[in-house]
N, C-alpha and C. Protein backbone atom coordinates (compact mmCIF):
# COMPACT_ATOMS: atom_id res chain seq x y z
N MET A 1 7.13 0.28 -246.74
CA MET A 1 6.21 -0.79 -246.02
C MET A 1 5.43 0.40 -245.64
N ARG A 2 4.16 0.07 -245.73
CA ARG A 2 2.67 0.87 -245.60
C ARG A 2 2.14 0.49 -244.13
N GLN A 3 1.80 1.28 -243.48
CA GLN A 3 1.22 1.25 -242.10
C GLN A 3 -0.08 2.41 -242.15
N ILE A 4 -1.19 2.14 -241.70
CA ILE A 4 -2.43 2.82 -241.50
C ILE A 4 -2.79 2.94 -240.23
N LEU A 5 -3.35 4.44 -239.78
CA LEU A 5 -3.97 4.68 -238.54
C LEU A 5 -5.09 5.49 -239.05
N GLU A 6 -6.43 5.00 -238.20
CA GLU A 6 -7.34 6.00 -238.68
C GLU A 6 -7.66 6.68 -237.45
N PHE A 7 -8.45 8.09 -237.52
CA PHE A 7 -8.85 9.07 -236.23
C PHE A 7 -9.96 9.24 -236.73
N ASP A 8 -10.79 9.42 -235.68
CA ASP A 8 -12.19 9.76 -235.43
C ASP A 8 -12.26 11.50 -236.12
N GLY A 9 -12.84 11.60 -237.37
CA GLY A 9 -12.99 12.92 -237.78
C GLY A 9 -13.68 14.04 -236.96
N LYS A 10 -14.26 13.41 -235.91
CA LYS A 10 -15.15 14.22 -235.02
C LYS A 10 -14.29 14.90 -233.81
N LEU A 11 -13.48 14.14 -233.55
CA LEU A 11 -12.48 14.29 -232.31
C LEU A 11 -11.16 15.04 -233.13
N TYR A 12 -10.44 14.71 -234.36
CA TYR A 12 -9.38 15.16 -234.78
C TYR A 12 -9.49 16.11 -236.25
N SER A 13 -9.01 16.92 -236.35
CA SER A 13 -8.91 17.73 -237.86
C SER A 13 -7.69 17.19 -238.98
N LEU A 14 -8.03 17.44 -239.91
CA LEU A 14 -7.08 17.18 -240.72
C LEU A 14 -5.66 17.95 -240.80
N PRO A 15 -5.96 19.23 -240.90
CA PRO A 15 -4.71 20.24 -240.21
C PRO A 15 -4.28 19.53 -238.91
N LEU A 16 -4.59 19.21 -238.01
CA LEU A 16 -4.05 18.89 -236.85
C LEU A 16 -3.12 17.67 -237.17
N LEU A 17 -3.82 16.75 -237.95
CA LEU A 17 -3.03 15.58 -238.39
C LEU A 17 -1.89 15.67 -239.15
N LYS A 18 -1.81 16.55 -240.00
CA LYS A 18 -0.98 17.26 -241.07
C LYS A 18 0.21 17.63 -239.88
N LYS A 19 -0.07 18.27 -238.98
CA LYS A 19 0.94 19.07 -238.11
C LYS A 19 2.00 17.71 -237.43
N ALA A 20 1.19 17.07 -237.22
CA ALA A 20 1.64 15.70 -236.38
C ALA A 20 2.43 14.94 -237.58
N ALA A 21 2.21 14.78 -238.91
CA ALA A 21 2.76 14.07 -239.76
C ALA A 21 4.19 14.79 -240.14
N TYR A 22 4.08 15.94 -240.24
CA TYR A 22 5.17 16.99 -240.47
C TYR A 22 6.39 16.75 -239.70
N LYS A 23 6.12 16.60 -238.37
CA LYS A 23 6.83 16.22 -237.37
C LYS A 23 8.11 14.96 -238.06
N PHE A 24 7.70 13.98 -238.76
CA PHE A 24 7.99 12.80 -239.19
C PHE A 24 8.33 12.97 -240.49
N SER A 25 8.21 13.81 -241.26
CA SER A 25 8.52 13.75 -242.60
C SER A 25 9.85 13.67 -243.38
N GLU A 26 10.69 13.77 -242.43
CA GLU A 26 11.92 13.41 -242.98
C GLU A 26 12.26 12.17 -243.36
N SER A 27 11.59 11.30 -242.53
CA SER A 27 11.87 9.67 -242.81
C SER A 27 10.30 8.85 -243.20
N VAL A 28 9.26 9.82 -243.15
CA VAL A 28 7.97 8.87 -243.14
C VAL A 28 7.19 9.84 -244.18
N ALA A 29 6.73 9.57 -245.36
CA ALA A 29 5.51 10.15 -246.28
C ALA A 29 4.30 9.52 -245.55
N THR A 30 3.39 10.67 -245.60
CA THR A 30 1.96 10.31 -245.21
C THR A 30 1.21 10.98 -246.38
N ILE A 31 0.03 9.87 -246.60
CA ILE A 31 -1.20 10.21 -247.42
C ILE A 31 -2.39 10.40 -246.27
N PHE A 32 -3.10 11.54 -246.82
CA PHE A 32 -4.39 11.34 -245.83
C PHE A 32 -5.66 11.25 -247.09
N SER A 33 -6.40 10.47 -246.42
CA SER A 33 -8.17 10.40 -247.11
C SER A 33 -8.82 10.30 -245.94
N GLU A 34 -10.19 10.15 -246.31
CA GLU A 34 -11.41 10.16 -245.50
C GLU A 34 -12.18 8.80 -245.77
N LYS A 35 -12.53 8.23 -244.65
CA LYS A 35 -13.14 7.23 -244.86
C LYS A 35 -14.17 7.06 -243.63
N GLU A 36 -15.65 7.09 -243.95
CA GLU A 36 -17.01 6.88 -243.23
C GLU A 36 -16.63 7.79 -242.18
N GLY A 37 -16.39 8.88 -242.10
CA GLY A 37 -16.06 9.77 -241.16
C GLY A 37 -14.88 9.71 -240.44
N ASN A 38 -14.14 8.88 -240.67
CA ASN A 38 -12.53 8.86 -240.18
C ASN A 38 -11.62 9.45 -240.83
N LEU A 39 -10.63 9.94 -240.35
CA LEU A 39 -9.68 10.62 -241.24
C LEU A 39 -8.27 9.76 -241.10
N VAL A 40 -7.86 9.02 -242.31
CA VAL A 40 -7.12 8.01 -242.35
C VAL A 40 -5.56 8.62 -242.70
N CYS A 41 -4.41 8.12 -242.04
CA CYS A 41 -3.06 8.40 -242.40
C CYS A 41 -2.63 7.12 -242.84
N ASP A 42 -2.30 7.40 -244.14
CA ASP A 42 -1.40 6.05 -244.91
C ASP A 42 -0.02 6.27 -244.87
N PHE A 43 0.81 5.66 -243.71
CA PHE A 43 2.39 5.99 -243.93
C PHE A 43 3.12 5.19 -244.79
N SER A 44 4.28 5.60 -245.40
CA SER A 44 5.07 4.99 -246.44
C SER A 44 6.49 5.17 -245.39
N LEU A 45 6.40 3.92 -244.69
CA LEU A 45 8.02 3.57 -243.80
C LEU A 45 8.97 3.24 -244.60
N PRO A 46 10.21 3.43 -243.86
CA PRO A 46 11.19 2.68 -244.70
C PRO A 46 11.27 1.52 -244.48
N ASP A 47 11.64 0.68 -245.48
CA ASP A 47 11.50 -0.77 -245.77
C ASP A 47 12.20 -1.45 -244.67
N ASP A 48 13.44 -0.89 -244.12
CA ASP A 48 14.36 -1.53 -243.28
C ASP A 48 13.78 -1.40 -241.96
N PHE A 49 12.85 -0.92 -241.42
CA PHE A 49 12.36 -0.40 -240.38
C PHE A 49 11.93 -1.86 -239.82
N THR A 50 12.45 -2.35 -238.55
CA THR A 50 11.99 -3.33 -237.95
C THR A 50 10.56 -3.22 -237.16
N ASP A 51 10.04 -4.12 -236.65
CA ASP A 51 8.75 -4.26 -236.23
C ASP A 51 8.43 -3.35 -235.10
N LEU A 52 9.82 -3.67 -234.15
CA LEU A 52 9.77 -2.61 -233.11
C LEU A 52 9.57 -0.99 -233.41
N GLN A 53 10.68 -0.81 -234.44
CA GLN A 53 10.62 0.58 -235.06
C GLN A 53 9.28 0.94 -235.47
N VAL A 54 8.58 0.19 -236.21
CA VAL A 54 7.19 0.32 -236.97
C VAL A 54 6.28 0.74 -235.44
N THR A 55 6.20 -0.02 -234.57
CA THR A 55 5.51 -0.14 -233.55
C THR A 55 5.74 1.35 -232.53
N ALA A 56 7.06 1.62 -232.29
CA ALA A 56 7.60 3.11 -231.68
C ALA A 56 7.24 3.88 -232.65
N PHE A 57 7.01 4.09 -233.83
CA PHE A 57 6.88 5.13 -234.74
C PHE A 57 5.03 5.54 -234.55
N LEU A 58 4.47 4.32 -234.59
CA LEU A 58 3.02 4.56 -234.53
C LEU A 58 2.61 5.02 -233.37
N ASP A 59 3.49 4.65 -232.06
CA ASP A 59 3.15 5.04 -230.68
C ASP A 59 3.70 6.75 -230.68
N ASN A 60 4.70 6.93 -231.40
CA ASN A 60 5.07 8.34 -231.27
C ASN A 60 4.18 9.20 -232.01
N PHE A 61 3.77 8.78 -233.27
CA PHE A 61 2.60 9.62 -234.01
C PHE A 61 1.27 9.70 -233.30
N LYS A 62 1.01 9.01 -232.43
CA LYS A 62 -0.40 9.07 -231.58
C LYS A 62 0.08 10.09 -230.36
N LYS A 63 1.08 9.97 -230.08
CA LYS A 63 1.33 10.87 -229.19
C LYS A 63 1.76 12.29 -229.58
N GLU A 64 2.32 12.43 -230.70
CA GLU A 64 2.43 13.92 -231.47
C GLU A 64 0.91 14.29 -231.99
N VAL A 65 -0.12 13.40 -232.21
CA VAL A 65 -1.43 13.81 -232.46
C VAL A 65 -1.86 14.41 -231.17
N LEU A 66 -1.74 13.68 -229.84
CA LEU A 66 -2.42 14.32 -228.85
C LEU A 66 -1.71 15.77 -228.57
N ASP A 67 -0.28 15.64 -228.54
CA ASP A 67 0.47 16.95 -228.56
C ASP A 67 -0.29 18.19 -229.33
N GLN A 68 -0.36 17.65 -230.39
CA GLN A 68 -0.92 19.02 -231.52
C GLN A 68 -2.20 19.26 -231.04
N ASP A 69 -3.15 18.37 -230.58
CA ASP A 69 -4.29 18.69 -230.23
C ASP A 69 -4.67 19.39 -228.98
N LEU A 70 -3.78 19.19 -227.98
CA LEU A 70 -3.80 20.09 -226.86
C LEU A 70 -3.40 21.36 -227.13
N ARG A 71 -2.17 21.57 -228.03
CA ARG A 71 -1.53 22.85 -228.29
C ARG A 71 -2.85 23.45 -229.02
N GLU A 72 -3.74 23.14 -229.89
CA GLU A 72 -4.80 23.64 -230.64
C GLU A 72 -5.76 23.90 -229.28
N LEU A 73 -6.11 23.18 -228.21
CA LEU A 73 -7.14 23.76 -227.28
C LEU A 73 -6.38 24.94 -226.56
N ILE A 74 -5.27 24.62 -225.98
CA ILE A 74 -4.72 26.05 -225.17
C ILE A 74 -4.57 26.96 -226.00
N ARG A 75 -4.19 27.18 -227.57
CA ARG A 75 -4.37 28.24 -228.23
C ARG A 75 -5.61 28.97 -228.23
N ALA A 76 -6.82 27.95 -228.32
CA ALA A 76 -8.18 28.70 -228.53
C ALA A 76 -8.46 29.12 -227.23
N GLU A 77 -8.11 28.65 -226.10
CA GLU A 77 -8.56 28.79 -224.71
C GLU A 77 -7.74 30.23 -224.33
N THR A 78 -6.54 30.47 -224.98
CA THR A 78 -5.71 31.73 -224.57
C THR A 78 -5.98 32.89 -225.49
N GLU A 79 -6.51 32.52 -226.62
CA GLU A 79 -6.57 33.45 -227.73
C GLU A 79 -6.89 35.07 -227.37
N THR A 80 -7.99 35.05 -226.39
CA THR A 80 -8.48 36.46 -225.81
C THR A 80 -7.42 37.23 -225.21
N THR A 81 -6.93 36.32 -224.29
CA THR A 81 -5.88 37.02 -223.21
C THR A 81 -4.75 37.32 -224.32
N ARG A 82 -4.09 36.38 -225.04
CA ARG A 82 -3.11 36.72 -225.73
C ARG A 82 -3.11 37.92 -226.81
N ASN A 83 -4.48 38.16 -227.35
CA ASN A 83 -4.83 39.40 -228.18
C ASN A 83 -4.95 40.46 -227.30
N LEU A 84 -5.05 40.55 -226.23
CA LEU A 84 -5.25 41.62 -225.42
C LEU A 84 -3.75 41.94 -224.90
N ILE A 85 -2.85 41.21 -224.56
CA ILE A 85 -1.77 41.50 -224.20
C ILE A 85 -0.90 42.08 -225.43
N LEU A 86 -0.89 41.48 -226.56
CA LEU A 86 -0.45 42.05 -227.81
C LEU A 86 -1.05 43.46 -228.08
N ALA A 87 -2.33 43.62 -227.87
CA ALA A 87 -3.01 44.98 -228.01
C ALA A 87 -2.12 46.07 -226.96
N HIS A 88 -2.31 45.84 -225.79
CA HIS A 88 -1.82 46.61 -224.97
C HIS A 88 -0.11 47.00 -225.14
N ALA A 89 0.53 45.96 -225.55
CA ALA A 89 1.98 46.03 -225.67
C ALA A 89 1.98 46.75 -226.96
N PHE A 90 1.34 46.93 -228.24
CA PHE A 90 1.64 47.65 -229.17
C PHE A 90 1.13 49.04 -228.96
N SER A 91 -0.14 49.34 -228.18
CA SER A 91 -0.50 50.55 -227.81
C SER A 91 0.68 51.31 -227.04
N LYS A 92 1.30 50.85 -226.41
CA LYS A 92 2.62 51.48 -225.69
C LYS A 92 3.65 51.68 -226.37
N ALA A 93 3.97 51.05 -227.45
CA ALA A 93 5.14 51.39 -228.31
C ALA A 93 5.00 52.49 -229.21
N GLU A 94 6.21 52.85 -229.26
CA GLU A 94 6.35 54.31 -229.94
C GLU A 94 6.35 53.62 -231.55
N LEU A 95 5.74 54.44 -232.15
CA LEU A 95 6.03 54.17 -233.67
C LEU A 95 7.13 54.77 -234.58
N GLU A 96 7.48 54.08 -235.19
CA GLU A 96 8.79 54.87 -236.25
C GLU A 96 8.13 56.20 -236.70
N GLY A 97 9.18 57.18 -236.24
CA GLY A 97 8.62 58.39 -236.68
C GLY A 97 8.09 59.40 -235.75
N ASP A 98 7.43 58.57 -234.43
CA ASP A 98 6.72 59.21 -233.60
C ASP A 98 7.79 59.47 -232.34
N GLU A 99 8.82 60.72 -232.41
CA GLU A 99 9.60 60.87 -231.16
C GLU A 99 9.32 62.12 -230.75
């Protein structure tokens, strides 16, 4: 059974949608394409999915897209701080052979 969702290509990236799809890849195959500035997710769902399961999957996929989008936003916002912490931690570490 096929289901399609479209996402605005200005708001979401293909790598983000791929990360979201990977979470469901054990039971659902996804093909990505682009159409008029939108990113299209074409899902192959198991034939025995009920209407309720299809609706639940589509809702869960949208939630996962939001989750991945927020993770990317937080990663970008904290990158400088994270790099400073790592640089400080490694500057204090003794290198192998430096005893």
